[in-house]
């Protein structure tokens, strides 16, 4: 395997190569051939928002390409984020519950404190 070196003298503390071409032999329960973890990122409420005291509403982390800061509240951006907490999360939660599929939920702590 080709070895890669950085162009700095500093030792890089993260292992970015991993196992390479010689991965470990893993035996899953019931001889399963794949392990799947589903993670739901629940970040609504963490975005920049005028009503939370931020200077501008969120524009960088949005589905609106080229969104620009506006004076006052950016209702389009707010509605994108609010969909997740009002409807999107609950639709997925119901689906995973019905199918008895376990999931991991990553929740943004700032929002959780507001509930």
C-alpha atoms as a PDB file:
ATOM      1  CA  UNK A   1       0.000   0.000   0.000  1.00  0.00           C
ATOM      2  CA  UNK A   2       1.321   3.445  -0.884  1.00  0.00           C
ATOM      3  CA  UNK A   3       2.290   5.557   2.114  1.00  0.00           C
ATOM      4  CA  UNK A   4       1.227   9.187   2.189  1.00  0.00           C
ATOM      5  CA  UNK A   5       3.099  11.896   4.038  1.00  0.00           C
ATOM      6  CA  UNK A   6       2.037  15.414   4.860  1.00  0.00           C
ATOM      7  CA  UNK A   7       4.127  18.371   3.868  1.00  0.00           C
ATOM      8  CA  UNK A   8       4.420  19.565   7.470  1.00  0.00           C
ATOM      9  CA  UNK A   9       6.674  18.500  10.293  1.00  0.00           C
ATOM     10  CA  UNK A  10       3.751  18.198  12.713  1.00  0.00           C
ATOM     11  CA  UNK A  11       2.488  14.735  13.611  1.00  0.00           C
ATOM     12  CA  UNK A  12      -1.177  14.389  12.674  1.00  0.00           C
ATOM     13  CA  UNK A  13      -3.045  12.889  15.610  1.00  0.00           C
ATOM     14  CA  UNK A  14      -6.008  11.434  13.704  1.00  0.00           C
ATOM     15  CA  UNK A  15      -5.912   8.057  11.979  1.00  0.00           C
ATOM     16  CA  UNK A  16      -7.274   8.779   8.516  1.00  0.00           C
ATOM     17  CA  UNK A  17      -6.135   5.488   6.956  1.00  0.00           C
ATOM     18  CA  UNK A  18      -8.037   3.070   9.181  1.00  0.00           C
ATOM     19  CA  UNK A  19      -7.638  -0.617   8.427  1.00  0.00           C
ATOM     20  CA  UNK A  20      -6.716   0.006   4.818  1.00  0.00           C
ATOM     21  CA  UNK A  21      -6.992  -3.018   2.587  1.00  0.00           C
ATOM     22  CA  UNK A  22      -6.744  -5.462   5.509  1.00  0.00           C
ATOM     23  CA  UNK A  23      -9.947  -4.936   7.471  1.00  0.00           C
ATOM     24  CA  UNK A  24     -10.759  -7.012  10.541  1.00  0.00           C
ATOM     25  CA  UNK A  25     -12.822 -10.194  10.259  1.00  0.00           C
ATOM     26  CA  UNK A  26     -16.188  -9.442  11.838  1.00  0.00           C
ATOM     27  CA  UNK A  27     -18.848 -12.012  12.688  1.00  0.00           C
ATOM     28  CA  UNK A  28     -22.299 -10.510  13.182  1.00  0.00           C
ATOM     29  CA  UNK A  29     -25.150 -12.219  15.032  1.00  0.00           C
ATOM     30  CA  UNK A  30     -27.139 -14.685  12.903  1.00  0.00           C
ATOM     31  CA  UNK A  31     -24.388 -14.490  10.266  1.00  0.00           C
ATOM     32  CA  UNK A  32     -25.689 -11.114   9.110  1.00  0.00           C
ATOM     33  CA  UNK A  33     -23.681  -9.602   6.270  1.00  0.00           C
ATOM     34  CA  UNK A  34     -24.341  -5.967   7.103  1.00  0.00           C
ATOM     35  CA  UNK A  35     -24.874  -3.843  10.200  1.00  0.00           C
ATOM     36  CA  UNK A  36     -26.960  -0.709   9.800  1.00  0.00           C
ATOM     37  CA  UNK A  37     -27.311   2.199  12.191  1.00  0.00           C
ATOM     38  CA  UNK A  38     -29.909   4.866  11.526  1.00  0.00           C
ATOM     39  CA  UNK A  39     -29.215   8.272  13.050  1.00  0.00           C
ATOM     40  CA  UNK A  40     -31.740  11.094  13.025  1.00  0.00           C
ATOM     41  CA  UNK A  41     -30.147  14.533  13.436  1.00  0.00           C
ATOM     42  CA  UNK A  42     -32.685  16.737  15.180  1.00  0.00           C
ATOM     43  CA  UNK A  43     -31.163  20.195  14.929  1.00  0.00           C
ATOM     44  CA  UNK A  44     -34.183  22.455  14.562  1.00  0.00           C
ATOM     45  CA  UNK A  45     -33.904  25.382  16.946  1.00  0.00           C
ATOM     46  CA  UNK A  46     -30.108  25.546  16.728  1.00  0.00           C
ATOM     47  CA  UNK A  47     -29.987  27.715  13.628  1.00  0.00           C
ATOM     48  CA  UNK A  48     -29.330  31.445  13.763  1.00  0.00           C
ATOM     49  CA  UNK A  49     -32.595  33.296  14.311  1.00  0.00           C
ATOM     50  CA  UNK A  50     -33.430  36.913  15.090  1.00  0.00           C
ATOM     51  CA  UNK A  51     -35.928  35.928  17.794  1.00  0.00           C
ATOM     52  CA  UNK A  52     -33.120  34.029  19.577  1.00  0.00           C
ATOM     53  CA  UNK A  53     -31.008  37.183  19.701  1.00  0.00           C
ATOM     54  CA  UNK A  54     -28.841  36.421  16.679  1.00  0.00           C
ATOM     55  CA  UNK A  55     -27.786  39.256  14.346  1.00  0.00           C
ATOM     56  CA  UNK A  56     -29.181  37.489  11.256  1.00  0.00           C
ATOM     57  CA  UNK A  57     -31.400  34.531  10.493  1.00  0.00           C
ATOM     58  CA  UNK A  58     -29.681  31.360   9.282  1.00  0.00           C
ATOM     59  CA  UNK A  59     -28.759  31.450   5.615  1.00  0.00           C
ATOM     60  CA  UNK A  60     -25.698  29.214   5.347  1.00  0.00           C
ATOM     61  CA  UNK A  61     -27.336  25.972   6.553  1.00  0.00           C
ATOM     62  CA  UNK A  62     -30.420  26.036   4.377  1.00  0.00           C
ATOM     63  CA  UNK A  63     -31.906  24.487   1.275  1.00  0.00           C
ATOM     64  CA  UNK A  64     -32.109  27.907  -0.369  1.00  0.00           C
ATOM     65  CA  UNK A  65     -29.109  28.278  -2.676  1.00  0.00           C
ATOM     66  CA  UNK A  66     -27.557  31.709  -2.377  1.00  0.00           C
ATOM     67  CA  UNK A  67     -29.776  32.815   0.517  1.00  0.00           C
ATOM     68  CA  UNK A  68     -28.703  36.200   1.865  1.00  0.00           C
ATOM     69  CA  UNK A  69     -29.174  37.738   5.298  1.00  0.00           C
ATOM     70  CA  UNK A  70     -32.240  39.959   5.475  1.00  0.00           C
ATOM     71  CA  UNK A  71     -33.199  42.727   7.870  1.00  0.00           C
ATOM     72  CA  UNK A  72     -35.514  41.191  10.422  1.00  0.00           C
ATOM     73  CA  UNK A  73     -36.766  37.639  10.456  1.00  0.00           C
ATOM     74  CA  UNK A  74     -36.258  35.345   7.461  1.00  0.00           C
ATOM     75  CA  UNK A  75     -39.600  33.560   7.473  1.00  0.00           C
ATOM     76  CA  UNK A  76     -38.652  31.151   4.659  1.00  0.00           C
ATOM     77  CA  UNK A  77     -35.621  29.905   6.571  1.00  0.00           C
ATOM     78  CA  UNK A  78     -37.575  29.650   9.819  1.00  0.00           C
ATOM     79  CA  UNK A  79     -40.298  27.599   8.129  1.00  0.00           C
ATOM     80  CA  UNK A  80     -37.713  25.173   6.710  1.00  0.00           C
ATOM     81  CA  UNK A  81     -36.354  24.516  10.188  1.00  0.00           C
ATOM     82  CA  UNK A  82     -39.772  24.441  11.861  1.00  0.00           C
ATOM     83  CA  UNK A  83     -41.012  21.742   9.483  1.00  0.00           C
ATOM     84  CA  UNK A  84     -38.614  19.276  11.096  1.00  0.00           C
ATOM     85  CA  UNK A  85     -39.890  19.783  14.619  1.00  0.00           C
ATOM     86  CA  UNK A  86     -43.555  20.239  13.719  1.00  0.00           C
ATOM     87  CA  UNK A  87     -43.969  17.426  11.227  1.00  0.00           C
ATOM     88  CA  UNK A  88     -40.841  15.789   9.820  1.00  0.00           C
ATOM     89  CA  UNK A  89     -39.551  14.312  13.079  1.00  0.00           C
ATOM     90  CA  UNK A  90     -42.957  12.936  14.062  1.00  0.00           C
ATOM     91  CA  UNK A  91     -43.533  11.303  10.665  1.00  0.00           C
ATOM     92  CA  UNK A  92     -40.188   9.506  10.899  1.00  0.00           C
ATOM     93  CA  UNK A  93     -40.703   8.632  14.570  1.00  0.00           C
ATOM     94  CA  UNK A  94     -44.061   7.024  13.795  1.00  0.00           C
ATOM     95  CA  UNK A  95     -42.597   5.066  10.864  1.00  0.00           C
ATOM     96  CA  UNK A  96     -39.678   3.692  12.896  1.00  0.00           C
ATOM     97  CA  UNK A  97     -41.992   2.824  15.805  1.00  0.00           C
ATOM     98  CA  UNK A  98     -44.447   0.989  13.540  1.00  0.00           C
ATOM     99  CA  UNK A  99     -41.655  -0.998  11.912  1.00  0.00           C
ATOM    100  CA  UNK A 100     -39.921  -1.574  15.286  1.00  0.00           C
ATOM    101  CA  UNK A 101     -36.686  -0.146  13.877  1.00  0.00           C
ATOM    102  CA  UNK A 102     -34.336   1.151  16.574  1.00  0.00           C
ATOM    103  CA  UNK A 103     -32.670   4.462  15.808  1.00  0.00           C
ATOM    104  CA  UNK A 104     -30.240   6.882  17.421  1.00  0.00           C
ATOM    105  CA  UNK A 105     -31.305  10.508  17.762  1.00  0.00           C
ATOM    106  CA  UNK A 106     -28.735  13.295  17.913  1.00  0.00           C
ATOM    107  CA  UNK A 107     -30.420  16.370  19.364  1.00  0.00           C
ATOM    108  CA  UNK A 108     -28.949  19.834  19.529  1.00  0.00           C
ATOM    109  CA  UNK A 109     -28.808  20.819  23.221  1.00  0.00           C
ATOM    110  CA  UNK A 110     -29.604  24.533  22.810  1.00  0.00           C
ATOM    111  CA  UNK A 111     -32.996  23.680  21.341  1.00  0.00           C
ATOM    112  CA  UNK A 112     -33.686  20.991  23.924  1.00  0.00           C
ATOM    113  CA  UNK A 113     -33.285  23.564  26.702  1.00  0.00           C
ATOM    114  CA  UNK A 114     -35.996  25.739  25.102  1.00  0.00           C
ATOM    115  CA  UNK A 115     -38.682  23.024  25.088  1.00  0.00           C
END
